[in-house]
Amino acid sequence: MNDLQKGIYQLVVQEVKRTQPKREQNLLNKKDAVKLIEKYTKQYTLMEFLNATDAASVLGMSVTQFWRIRQKYNVPVYVMDGMKRYKKSDLIRFAENNCVKGYA
């Protein structure tokens, strides 16, 4: 289980504990659990920040090529405590907006 899955699991457990008194003796059913997991997965996946190496792999290029693209275009970057991080959803949006669609 990776860190994201562990975090989501803990959030689901907390939600079950919070809603348990309201449900009396009923446990959280499978449908409700799936809804909670989907909710938290979407929420925390969007907050995933990547370093330059991971950002380059998301775009399918080398780190050197990524730095060239970053200098040439306006790639969204977040600076946290002096470290540059890239949001995965921003990178995907950047690629969709700046690539030429074609067929090979």
PDB file of N, CA and C in Angstrom:
ATOM      1  N   MET A   1       0.849  -1.170   0.000  1.00  0.00           N
ATOM      2  CA  MET A   1       0.000   0.000   0.000  1.00  0.00           C
ATOM      3  C   MET A   1       0.898   1.238   0.000  1.00  0.00           C
ATOM      4  N   ASN A   2       0.702   2.129  -0.974  1.00  0.00           N
ATOM      5  CA  ASN A   2       1.531   3.330  -1.004  1.00  0.00           C
ATOM      6  C   ASN A   2       0.982   4.387  -0.037  1.00  0.00           C
ATOM      7  N   ASP A   3       1.690   5.500   0.064  1.00  0.00           N
ATOM      8  CA  ASP A   3       1.311   6.549   1.022  1.00  0.00           C
ATOM      9  C   ASP A   3      -0.074   7.112   0.738  1.00  0.00           C
ATOM     10  N   LEU A   4      -0.403   7.300  -0.545  1.00  0.00           N
ATOM     11  CA  LEU A   4      -1.716   7.835  -0.897  1.00  0.00           C
ATOM     12  C   LEU A   4      -2.817   6.877  -0.459  1.00  0.00           C
ATOM     13  N   GLN A   5      -2.635   5.593  -0.708  1.00  0.00           N
ATOM     14  CA  GLN A   5      -3.634   4.598  -0.318  1.00  0.00           C
ATOM     15  C   GLN A   5      -3.775   4.530   1.200  1.00  0.00           C
ATOM     16  N   LYS A   6      -2.659   4.608   1.919  1.00  0.00           N
ATOM     17  CA  LYS A   6      -2.711   4.600   3.384  1.00  0.00           C
ATOM     18  C   LYS A   6      -3.469   5.819   3.901  1.00  0.00           C
ATOM     19  N   GLY A   7      -3.185   6.972   3.306  1.00  0.00           N
ATOM     20  CA  GLY A   7      -3.869   8.194   3.725  1.00  0.00           C
ATOM     21  C   GLY A   7      -5.368   8.119   3.466  1.00  0.00           C
ATOM     22  N   ILE A   8      -5.729   7.603   2.313  1.00  0.00           N
ATOM     23  CA  ILE A   8      -7.146   7.456   1.979  1.00  0.00           C
ATOM     24  C   ILE A   8      -7.806   6.463   2.928  1.00  0.00           C
ATOM     25  N   TYR A   9      -7.124   5.357   3.218  1.00  0.00           N
ATOM     26  CA  TYR A   9      -7.668   4.356   4.137  1.00  0.00           C
ATOM     27  C   TYR A   9      -7.934   4.992   5.507  1.00  0.00           C
ATOM     28  N   GLN A  10      -6.986   5.793   6.001  1.00  0.00           N
ATOM     29  CA  GLN A  10      -7.159   6.435   7.297  1.00  0.00           C
ATOM     30  C   GLN A  10      -8.339   7.410   7.285  1.00  0.00           C
ATOM     31  N   LEU A  11      -8.515   8.146   6.183  1.00  0.00           N
ATOM     32  CA  LEU A  11      -9.638   9.066   6.076  1.00  0.00           C
ATOM     33  C   LEU A  11     -10.967   8.317   6.069  1.00  0.00           C
ATOM     34  N   VAL A  12     -11.010   7.181   5.386  1.00  0.00           N
ATOM     35  CA  VAL A  12     -12.237   6.381   5.359  1.00  0.00           C
ATOM     36  C   VAL A  12     -12.542   5.848   6.754  1.00  0.00           C
ATOM     37  N   VAL A  13     -11.520   5.387   7.472  1.00  0.00           N
ATOM     38  CA  VAL A  13     -11.721   4.886   8.835  1.00  0.00           C
ATOM     39  C   VAL A  13     -12.256   5.999   9.738  1.00  0.00           C
ATOM     40  N   GLN A  14     -11.697   7.194   9.617  1.00  0.00           N
ATOM     41  CA  GLN A  14     -12.175   8.323  10.410  1.00  0.00           C
ATOM     42  C   GLN A  14     -13.629   8.658  10.074  1.00  0.00           C
ATOM     43  N   GLU A  15     -13.975   8.603   8.798  1.00  0.00           N
ATOM     44  CA  GLU A  15     -15.344   8.890   8.377  1.00  0.00           C
ATOM     45  C   GLU A  15     -16.313   7.856   8.934  1.00  0.00           C
ATOM     46  N   VAL A  16     -15.886   6.588   8.948  1.00  0.00           N
ATOM     47  CA  VAL A  16     -16.727   5.527   9.510  1.00  0.00           C
ATOM     48  C   VAL A  16     -16.952   5.779  11.000  1.00  0.00           C
ATOM     49  N   LYS A  17     -15.884   6.130  11.718  1.00  0.00           N
ATOM     50  CA  LYS A  17     -16.015   6.407  13.149  1.00  0.00           C
ATOM     51  C   LYS A  17     -16.937   7.596  13.394  1.00  0.00           C
ATOM     52  N   ARG A  18     -16.829   8.617  12.550  1.00  0.00           N
ATOM     53  CA  ARG A  18     -17.642   9.824  12.710  1.00  0.00           C
ATOM     54  C   ARG A  18     -19.118   9.539  12.460  1.00  0.00           C
ATOM     55  N   THR A  19     -19.402   8.717  11.471  1.00  0.00           N
ATOM     56  CA  THR A  19     -20.792   8.456  11.114  1.00  0.00           C
ATOM     57  C   THR A  19     -21.382   7.262  11.848  1.00  0.00           C
ATOM     58  N   GLN A  20     -20.574   6.526  12.580  1.00  0.00           N
ATOM     59  CA  GLN A  20     -21.055   5.314  13.250  1.00  0.00           C
ATOM     60  C   GLN A  20     -22.210   5.571  14.217  1.00  0.00           C
ATOM     61  N   PRO A  21     -22.147   6.589  15.088  1.00  0.00           N
ATOM     62  CA  PRO A  21     -23.285   6.810  15.996  1.00  0.00           C
ATOM     63  C   PRO A  21     -24.598   7.061  15.248  1.00  0.00           C
ATOM     64  N   LYS A  22     -24.526   7.696  14.102  1.00  0.00           N
ATOM     65  CA  LYS A  22     -25.725   7.977  13.324  1.00  0.00           C
ATOM     66  C   LYS A  22     -26.300   6.699  12.715  1.00  0.00           C
ATOM     67  N   ARG A  23     -25.447   5.761  12.475  1.00  0.00           N
ATOM     68  CA  ARG A  23     -25.881   4.532  11.825  1.00  0.00           C
ATOM     69  C   ARG A  23     -26.287   3.454  12.824  1.00  0.00           C
ATOM     70  N   GLU A  24     -26.143   3.747  14.092  1.00  0.00           N
ATOM     71  CA  GLU A  24     -26.432   2.827  15.185  1.00  0.00           C
ATOM     72  C   GLU A  24     -25.634   1.539  15.011  1.00  0.00           C
ATOM     73  N   GLN A  25     -26.271   0.441  14.710  1.00  0.00           N
ATOM     74  CA  GLN A  25     -25.554  -0.825  14.621  1.00  0.00           C
ATOM     75  C   GLN A  25     -25.113  -1.165  13.201  1.00  0.00           C
ATOM     76  N   ASN A  26     -25.536  -0.400  12.253  1.00  0.00           N
ATOM     77  CA  ASN A  26     -25.169  -0.695  10.862  1.00  0.00           C
ATOM     78  C   ASN A  26     -23.746  -0.242  10.584  1.00  0.00           C
ATOM     79  N   LEU A  27     -22.994  -1.048   9.886  1.00  0.00           N
ATOM     80  CA  LEU A  27     -21.657  -0.666   9.449  1.00  0.00           C
ATOM     81  C   LEU A  27     -21.757   0.053   8.117  1.00  0.00           C
ATOM     82  N   LEU A  28     -20.688   0.702   7.739  1.00  0.00           N
ATOM     83  CA  LEU A  28     -20.631   1.366   6.446  1.00  0.00           C
ATOM     84  C   LEU A  28     -20.735   0.306   5.358  1.00  0.00           C
ATOM     85  N   ASN A  29     -21.724   0.440   4.485  1.00  0.00           N
ATOM     86  CA  ASN A  29     -21.866  -0.583   3.449  1.00  0.00           C
ATOM     87  C   ASN A  29     -20.864  -0.350   2.325  1.00  0.00           C
ATOM     88  N   LYS A  30     -20.750  -1.312   1.445  1.00  0.00           N
ATOM     89  CA  LYS A  30     -19.749  -1.278   0.386  1.00  0.00           C
ATOM     90  C   LYS A  30     -19.941  -0.071  -0.538  1.00  0.00           C
ATOM     91  N   LYS A  31     -21.186   0.246  -0.861  1.00  0.00           N
ATOM     92  CA  LYS A  31     -21.476   1.366  -1.755  1.00  0.00           C
ATOM     93  C   LYS A  31     -20.989   2.686  -1.157  1.00  0.00           C
ATOM     94  N   ASP A  32     -21.261   2.903   0.130  1.00  0.00           N
ATOM     95  CA  ASP A  32     -20.803   4.129   0.795  1.00  0.00           C
ATOM     96  C   ASP A  32     -19.278   4.184   0.882  1.00  0.00           C
ATOM     97  N   ALA A  33     -18.665   3.038   1.157  1.00  0.00           N
ATOM     98  CA  ALA A  33     -17.198   2.982   1.241  1.00  0.00           C
ATOM     99  C   ALA A  33     -16.574   3.331  -0.102  1.00  0.00           C
ATOM    100  N   VAL A  34     -17.123   2.811  -1.187  1.00  0.00           N
ATOM    101  CA  VAL A  34     -16.601   3.112  -2.524  1.00  0.00           C
ATOM    102  C   VAL A  34     -16.740   4.600  -2.824  1.00  0.00           C
ATOM    103  N   LYS A  35     -17.871   5.210  -2.459  1.00  0.00           N
ATOM    104  CA  LYS A  35     -18.066   6.647  -2.674  1.00  0.00           C
ATOM    105  C   LYS A  35     -17.021   7.461  -1.913  1.00  0.00           C
ATOM    106  N   LEU A  36     -16.776   7.085  -0.655  1.00  0.00           N
ATOM    107  CA  LEU A  36     -15.780   7.802   0.151  1.00  0.00           C
ATOM    108  C   LEU A  36     -14.384   7.669  -0.451  1.00  0.00           C
ATOM    109  N   ILE A  37     -14.030   6.472  -0.861  1.00  0.00           N
ATOM    110  CA  ILE A  37     -12.700   6.240  -1.438  1.00  0.00           C
ATOM    111  C   ILE A  37     -12.538   7.052  -2.718  1.00  0.00           C
ATOM    112  N   GLU A  38     -13.558   7.074  -3.571  1.00  0.00           N
ATOM    113  CA  GLU A  38     -13.486   7.860  -4.803  1.00  0.00           C
ATOM    114  C   GLU A  38     -13.355   9.349  -4.493  1.00  0.00           C
ATOM    115  N   LYS A  39     -14.096   9.822  -3.513  1.00  0.00           N
ATOM    116  CA  LYS A  39     -14.046  11.235  -3.130  1.00  0.00           C
ATOM    117  C   LYS A  39     -12.644  11.629  -2.689  1.00  0.00           C
ATOM    118  N   TYR A  40     -12.069  10.866  -1.778  1.00  0.00           N
ATOM    119  CA  TYR A  40     -10.749  11.207  -1.265  1.00  0.00           C
ATOM    120  C   TYR A  40      -9.652  10.948  -2.283  1.00  0.00           C
ATOM    121  N   THR A  41      -9.805   9.956  -3.152  1.00  0.00           N
ATOM    122  CA  THR A  41      -8.802   9.703  -4.181  1.00  0.00           C
ATOM    123  C   THR A  41      -8.726  10.884  -5.132  1.00  0.00           C
ATOM    124  N   LYS A  42      -9.872  11.388  -5.581  1.00  0.00           N
ATOM    125  CA  LYS A  42      -9.873  12.540  -6.477  1.00  0.00           C
ATOM    126  C   LYS A  42      -9.267  13.753  -5.794  1.00  0.00           C
ATOM    127  N   GLN A  43      -9.631  13.971  -4.550  1.00  0.00           N
ATOM    128  CA  GLN A  43      -9.164  15.141  -3.815  1.00  0.00           C
ATOM    129  C   GLN A  43      -7.647  15.115  -3.636  1.00  0.00           C
ATOM    130  N   TYR A  44      -7.090  13.992  -3.238  1.00  0.00           N
ATOM    131  CA  TYR A  44      -5.662  13.941  -2.938  1.00  0.00           C
ATOM    132  C   TYR A  44      -4.804  13.658  -4.147  1.00  0.00           C
ATOM    133  N   THR A  45      -5.365  13.096  -5.204  1.00  0.00           N
ATOM    134  CA  THR A  45      -4.602  12.894  -6.416  1.00  0.00           C
ATOM    135  C   THR A  45      -4.319  14.231  -7.078  1.00  0.00           C
ATOM    136  N   LEU A  46      -5.277  15.152  -7.031  1.00  0.00           N
ATOM    137  CA  LEU A  46      -5.074  16.464  -7.624  1.00  0.00           C
ATOM    138  C   LEU A  46      -4.016  17.271  -6.886  1.00  0.00           C
ATOM    139  N   MET A  47      -3.751  16.935  -5.638  1.00  0.00           N
ATOM    140  CA  MET A  47      -2.768  17.675  -4.863  1.00  0.00           C
ATOM    141  C   MET A  47      -1.374  17.077  -4.982  1.00  0.00           C
ATOM    142  N   GLU A  48      -1.163  16.185  -5.921  1.00  0.00           N
ATOM    143  CA  GLU A  48       0.122  15.520  -6.055  1.00  0.00           C
ATOM    144  C   GLU A  48       1.115  16.437  -6.765  1.00  0.00           C
ATOM    145  N   PHE A  49       2.201  16.734  -6.099  1.00  0.00           N
ATOM    146  CA  PHE A  49       3.237  17.577  -6.663  1.00  0.00           C
ATOM    147  C   PHE A  49       4.453  16.720  -6.992  1.00  0.00           C
ATOM    148  N   LEU A  50       5.087  17.004  -8.120  1.00  0.00           N
ATOM    149  CA  LEU A  50       6.188  16.189  -8.620  1.00  0.00           C
ATOM    150  C   LEU A  50       7.467  17.003  -8.717  1.00  0.00           C
ATOM    151  N   ASN A  51       8.607  16.325  -8.594  1.00  0.00           N
ATOM    152  CA  ASN A  51       9.883  16.985  -8.856  1.00  0.00           C
ATOM    153  C   ASN A  51      10.133  16.957 -10.367  1.00  0.00           C
ATOM    154  N   ALA A  52      11.238  17.531 -10.816  1.00  0.00           N
ATOM    155  CA  ALA A  52      11.503  17.655 -12.256  1.00  0.00           C
ATOM    156  C   ALA A  52      11.635  16.295 -12.934  1.00  0.00           C
ATOM    157  N   THR A  53      12.241  15.338 -12.281  1.00  0.00           N
ATOM    158  CA  THR A  53      12.414  14.011 -12.865  1.00  0.00           C
ATOM    159  C   THR A  53      11.063  13.339 -13.096  1.00  0.00           C
ATOM    160  N   ASP A  54      10.202  13.397 -12.094  1.00  0.00           N
ATOM    161  CA  ASP A  54       8.872  12.796 -12.228  1.00  0.00           C
ATOM    162  C   ASP A  54       8.022  13.558 -13.238  1.00  0.00           C
ATOM    163  N   ALA A  55       8.152  14.883 -13.257  1.00  0.00           N
ATOM    164  CA  ALA A  55       7.398  15.700 -14.210  1.00  0.00           C
ATOM    165  C   ALA A  55       7.809  15.350 -15.647  1.00  0.00           C
ATOM    166  N   ALA A  56       9.109  15.158 -15.853  1.00  0.00           N
ATOM    167  CA  ALA A  56       9.587  14.784 -17.182  1.00  0.00           C
ATOM    168  C   ALA A  56       9.030  13.425 -17.601  1.00  0.00           C
ATOM    169  N   SER A  57       8.957  12.481 -16.673  1.00  0.00           N
ATOM    170  CA  SER A  57       8.428  11.162 -17.015  1.00  0.00           C
ATOM    171  C   SER A  57       6.931  11.218 -17.311  1.00  0.00           C
ATOM    172  N   VAL A  58       6.193  12.115 -16.630  1.00  0.00           N
ATOM    173  CA  VAL A  58       4.763  12.283 -16.925  1.00  0.00           C
ATOM    174  C   VAL A  58       4.592  12.769 -18.360  1.00  0.00           C
ATOM    175  N   LEU A  59       5.472  13.659 -18.796  1.00  0.00           N
ATOM    176  CA  LEU A  59       5.396  14.190 -20.154  1.00  0.00           C
ATOM    177  C   LEU A  59       6.080  13.279 -21.173  1.00  0.00           C
ATOM    178  N   GLY A  60       6.745  12.230 -20.706  1.00  0.00           N
ATOM    179  CA  GLY A  60       7.370  11.268 -21.612  1.00  0.00           C
ATOM    180  C   GLY A  60       8.632  11.781 -22.258  1.00  0.00           C
ATOM    181  N   MET A  61       9.461  12.493 -21.502  1.00  0.00           N
ATOM    182  CA  MET A  61      10.699  13.039 -22.052  1.00  0.00           C
ATOM    183  C   MET A  61      11.808  12.969 -21.015  1.00  0.00           C
ATOM    184  N   SER A  62      13.021  13.240 -21.460  1.00  0.00           N
ATOM    185  CA  SER A  62      14.157  13.247 -20.536  1.00  0.00           C
ATOM    186  C   SER A  62      14.119  14.517 -19.687  1.00  0.00           C
ATOM    187  N   VAL A  63      14.879  14.507 -18.613  1.00  0.00           N
ATOM    188  CA  VAL A  63      14.934  15.682 -17.736  1.00  0.00           C
ATOM    189  C   VAL A  63      15.541  16.864 -18.477  1.00  0.00           C
ATOM    190  N   THR A  64      16.564  16.597 -19.301  1.00  0.00           N
ATOM    191  CA  THR A  64      17.198  17.666 -20.080  1.00  0.00           C
ATOM    192  C   THR A  64      16.194  18.309 -21.028  1.00  0.00           C
ATOM    193  N   GLN A  65      15.427  17.490 -21.732  1.00  0.00           N
ATOM    194  CA  GLN A  65      14.411  18.021 -22.632  1.00  0.00           C
ATOM    195  C   GLN A  65      13.343  18.787 -21.861  1.00  0.00           C
ATOM    196  N   PHE A  66      12.988  18.292 -20.684  1.00  0.00           N
ATOM    197  CA  PHE A  66      11.997  18.989 -19.858  1.00  0.00           C
ATOM    198  C   PHE A  66      12.491  20.383 -19.483  1.00  0.00           C
ATOM    199  N   TRP A  67      13.790  20.497 -19.104  1.00  0.00           N
ATOM    200  CA  TRP A  67      14.323  21.816 -18.753  1.00  0.00           C
ATOM    201  C   TRP A  67      14.305  22.753 -19.953  1.00  0.00           C
ATOM    202  N   ARG A  68      14.595  22.221 -21.155  1.00  0.00           N
ATOM    203  CA  ARG A  68      14.539  23.057 -22.367  1.00  0.00           C
ATOM    204  C   ARG A  68      13.116  23.545 -22.624  1.00  0.00           C
ATOM    205  N   ILE A  69      12.152  22.636 -22.501  1.00  0.00           N
ATOM    206  CA  ILE A  69      10.746  23.002 -22.702  1.00  0.00           C
ATOM    207  C   ILE A  69      10.329  24.039 -21.662  1.00  0.00           C
ATOM    208  N   ARG A  70      10.777  23.843 -20.428  1.00  0.00           N
ATOM    209  CA  ARG A  70      10.408  24.750 -19.347  1.00  0.00           C
ATOM    210  C   ARG A  70      10.960  26.158 -19.587  1.00  0.00           C
ATOM    211  N   GLN A  71      12.152  26.260 -20.160  1.00  0.00           N
ATOM    212  CA  GLN A  71      12.728  27.571 -20.464  1.00  0.00           C
ATOM    213  C   GLN A  71      12.016  28.236 -21.636  1.00  0.00           C
ATOM    214  N   LYS A  72      11.583  27.437 -22.599  1.00  0.00           N
ATOM    215  CA  LYS A  72      10.968  27.968 -23.810  1.00  0.00           C
ATOM    216  C   LYS A  72       9.504  28.351 -23.604  1.00  0.00           C
ATOM    217  N   TYR A  73       8.774  27.552 -22.837  1.00  0.00           N
ATOM    218  CA  TYR A  73       7.342  27.758 -22.626  1.00  0.00           C
ATOM    219  C   TYR A  73       7.061  28.115 -21.167  1.00  0.00           C
ATOM    220  N   ASN A  74       5.859  28.513 -20.915  1.00  0.00           N
ATOM    221  CA  ASN A  74       5.456  28.891 -19.568  1.00  0.00           C
ATOM    222  C   ASN A  74       4.845  27.672 -18.864  1.00  0.00           C
ATOM    223  N   VAL A  75       5.705  26.800 -18.340  1.00  0.00           N
ATOM    224  CA  VAL A  75       5.246  25.611 -17.625  1.00  0.00           C
ATOM    225  C   VAL A  75       4.918  26.016 -16.189  1.00  0.00           C
ATOM    226  N   PRO A  76       3.721  25.708 -15.712  1.00  0.00           N
ATOM    227  CA  PRO A  76       3.356  26.073 -14.336  1.00  0.00           C
ATOM    228  C   PRO A  76       4.268  25.397 -13.316  1.00  0.00           C
ATOM    229  N   VAL A  77       4.783  26.176 -12.383  1.00  0.00           N
ATOM    230  CA  VAL A  77       5.680  25.647 -11.359  1.00  0.00           C
ATOM    231  C   VAL A  77       5.282  26.228 -10.003  1.00  0.00           C
ATOM    232  N   TYR A  78       5.449  25.431  -8.960  1.00  0.00           N
ATOM    233  CA  TYR A  78       5.184  25.857  -7.590  1.00  0.00           C
ATOM    234  C   TYR A  78       6.496  25.756  -6.825  1.00  0.00           C
ATOM    235  N   VAL A  79       6.843  26.801  -6.115  1.00  0.00           N
ATOM    236  CA  VAL A  79       8.064  26.802  -5.321  1.00  0.00           C
ATOM    237  C   VAL A  79       7.677  26.624  -3.862  1.00  0.00           C
ATOM    238  N   MET A  80       8.182  25.534  -3.275  1.00  0.00           N
ATOM    239  CA  MET A  80       7.901  25.234  -1.875  1.00  0.00           C
ATOM    240  C   MET A  80       9.225  25.135  -1.130  1.00  0.00           C
ATOM    241  N   ASP A  81       9.461  26.085  -0.265  1.00  0.00           N
ATOM    242  CA  ASP A  81      10.679  26.108   0.529  1.00  0.00           C
ATOM    243  C   ASP A  81      11.920  26.026  -0.364  1.00  0.00           C
ATOM    244  N   GLY A  82      11.883  26.744  -1.480  1.00  0.00           N
ATOM    245  CA  GLY A  82      13.017  26.793  -2.396  1.00  0.00           C
ATOM    246  C   GLY A  82      13.083  25.649  -3.397  1.00  0.00           C
ATOM    247  N   MET A  83      12.191  24.691  -3.301  1.00  0.00           N
ATOM    248  CA  MET A  83      12.188  23.554  -4.229  1.00  0.00           C
ATOM    249  C   MET A  83      11.066  23.742  -5.236  1.00  0.00           C
ATOM    250  N   LYS A  84      11.372  23.481  -6.504  1.00  0.00           N
ATOM    251  CA  LYS A  84      10.371  23.610  -7.556  1.00  0.00           C
ATOM    252  C   LYS A  84       9.595  22.310  -7.676  1.00  0.00           C
ATOM    253  N   ARG A  85       8.273  22.426  -7.698  1.00  0.00           N
ATOM    254  CA  ARG A  85       7.395  21.266  -7.828  1.00  0.00           C
ATOM    255  C   ARG A  85       6.373  21.545  -8.924  1.00  0.00           C
ATOM    256  N   TYR A  86       5.926  20.481  -9.569  1.00  0.00           N
ATOM    257  CA  TYR A  86       4.997  20.579 -10.687  1.00  0.00           C
ATOM    258  C   TYR A  86       3.767  19.739 -10.382  1.00  0.00           C
ATOM    259  N   LYS A  87       2.612  20.324 -10.582  1.00  0.00           N
ATOM    260  CA  LYS A  87       1.356  19.621 -10.339  1.00  0.00           C
ATOM    261  C   LYS A  87       1.045  18.753 -11.561  1.00  0.00           C
ATOM    262  N   LYS A  88       0.731  17.505 -11.314  1.00  0.00           N
ATOM    263  CA  LYS A  88       0.504  16.560 -12.404  1.00  0.00           C
ATOM    264  C   LYS A  88      -0.615  17.029 -13.328  1.00  0.00           C
ATOM    265  N   SER A  89      -1.704  17.517 -12.781  1.00  0.00           N
ATOM    266  CA  SER A  89      -2.823  17.967 -13.616  1.00  0.00           C
ATOM    267  C   SER A  89      -2.425  19.176 -14.474  1.00  0.00           C
ATOM    268  N   ASP A  90      -1.570  20.062 -13.937  1.00  0.00           N
ATOM    269  CA  ASP A  90      -1.089  21.208 -14.721  1.00  0.00           C
ATOM    270  C   ASP A  90      -0.206  20.751 -15.875  1.00  0.00           C
ATOM    271  N   LEU A  91       0.620  19.746 -15.638  1.00  0.00           N
ATOM    272  CA  LEU A  91       1.496  19.229 -16.690  1.00  0.00           C
ATOM    273  C   LEU A  91       0.685  18.611 -17.825  1.00  0.00           C
ATOM    274  N   ILE A  92      -0.335  17.862 -17.463  1.00  0.00           N
ATOM    275  CA  ILE A  92      -1.175  17.232 -18.484  1.00  0.00           C
ATOM    276  C   ILE A  92      -1.909  18.305 -19.288  1.00  0.00           C
ATOM    277  N   ARG A  93      -2.430  19.311 -18.609  1.00  0.00           N
ATOM    278  CA  ARG A  93      -3.110  20.416 -19.287  1.00  0.00           C
ATOM    279  C   ARG A  93      -2.129  21.169 -20.196  1.00  0.00           C
ATOM    280  N   PHE A  94      -0.905  21.386 -19.720  1.00  0.00           N
ATOM    281  CA  PHE A  94       0.124  22.049 -20.519  1.00  0.00           C
ATOM    282  C   PHE A  94       0.407  21.263 -21.791  1.00  0.00           C
ATOM    283  N   ALA A  95       0.555  19.951 -21.658  1.00  0.00           N
ATOM    284  CA  ALA A  95       0.837  19.112 -22.824  1.00  0.00           C
ATOM    285  C   ALA A  95      -0.321  19.147 -23.819  1.00  0.00           C
ATOM    286  N   GLU A  96      -1.543  19.097 -23.329  1.00  0.00           N
ATOM    287  CA  GLU A  96      -2.709  19.139 -24.218  1.00  0.00           C
ATOM    288  C   GLU A  96      -2.809  20.474 -24.960  1.00  0.00           C
ATOM    289  N   ASN A  97      -2.450  21.557 -24.290  1.00  0.00           N
ATOM    290  CA  ASN A  97      -2.561  22.882 -24.909  1.00  0.00           C
ATOM    291  C   ASN A  97      -1.418  23.222 -25.855  1.00  0.00           C
ATOM    292  N   ASN A  98      -0.253  22.590 -25.688  1.00  0.00           N
ATOM    293  CA  ASN A  98       0.927  22.974 -26.456  1.00  0.00           C
ATOM    294  C   ASN A  98       1.411  21.916 -27.432  1.00  0.00           C
ATOM    295  N   CYS A  99       0.703  20.832 -27.571  1.00  0.00           N
ATOM    296  CA  CYS A  99       1.126  19.782 -28.501  1.00  0.00           C
ATOM    297  C   CYS A  99       0.300  19.860 -29.776  1.00  0.00           C
ATOM    298  N   VAL A 100       0.892  19.381 -30.844  1.00  0.00           N
ATOM    299  CA  VAL A 100       0.198  19.298 -32.129  1.00  0.00           C
ATOM    300  C   VAL A 100      -0.327  17.888 -32.261  1.00  0.00           C
ATOM    301  N   LYS A 101      -1.625  17.778 -32.493  1.00  0.00           N
ATOM    302  CA  LYS A 101      -2.219  16.444 -32.666  1.00  0.00           C
ATOM    303  C   LYS A 101      -1.919  15.956 -34.080  1.00  0.00           C
ATOM    304  N   GLY A 102      -1.591  14.694 -34.159  1.00  0.00           N
ATOM    305  CA  GLY A 102      -1.299  14.112 -35.459  1.00  0.00           C
ATOM    306  C   GLY A 102      -1.391  12.606 -35.397  1.00  0.00           C
ATOM    307  N   TYR A 103      -1.157  12.001 -36.520  1.00  0.00           N
ATOM    308  CA  TYR A 103      -1.213  10.552 -36.611  1.00  0.00           C
ATOM    309  C   TYR A 103       0.101  10.053 -37.159  1.00  0.00           C
ATOM    310  N   ALA A 104       0.612   9.003 -36.559  1.00  0.00           N
ATOM    311  CA  ALA A 104       1.904   8.465 -37.016  1.00  0.00           C
ATOM    312  C   ALA A 104       1.683   7.158 -37.742  1.00  0.00           C
TER     313      ALA A 104
END
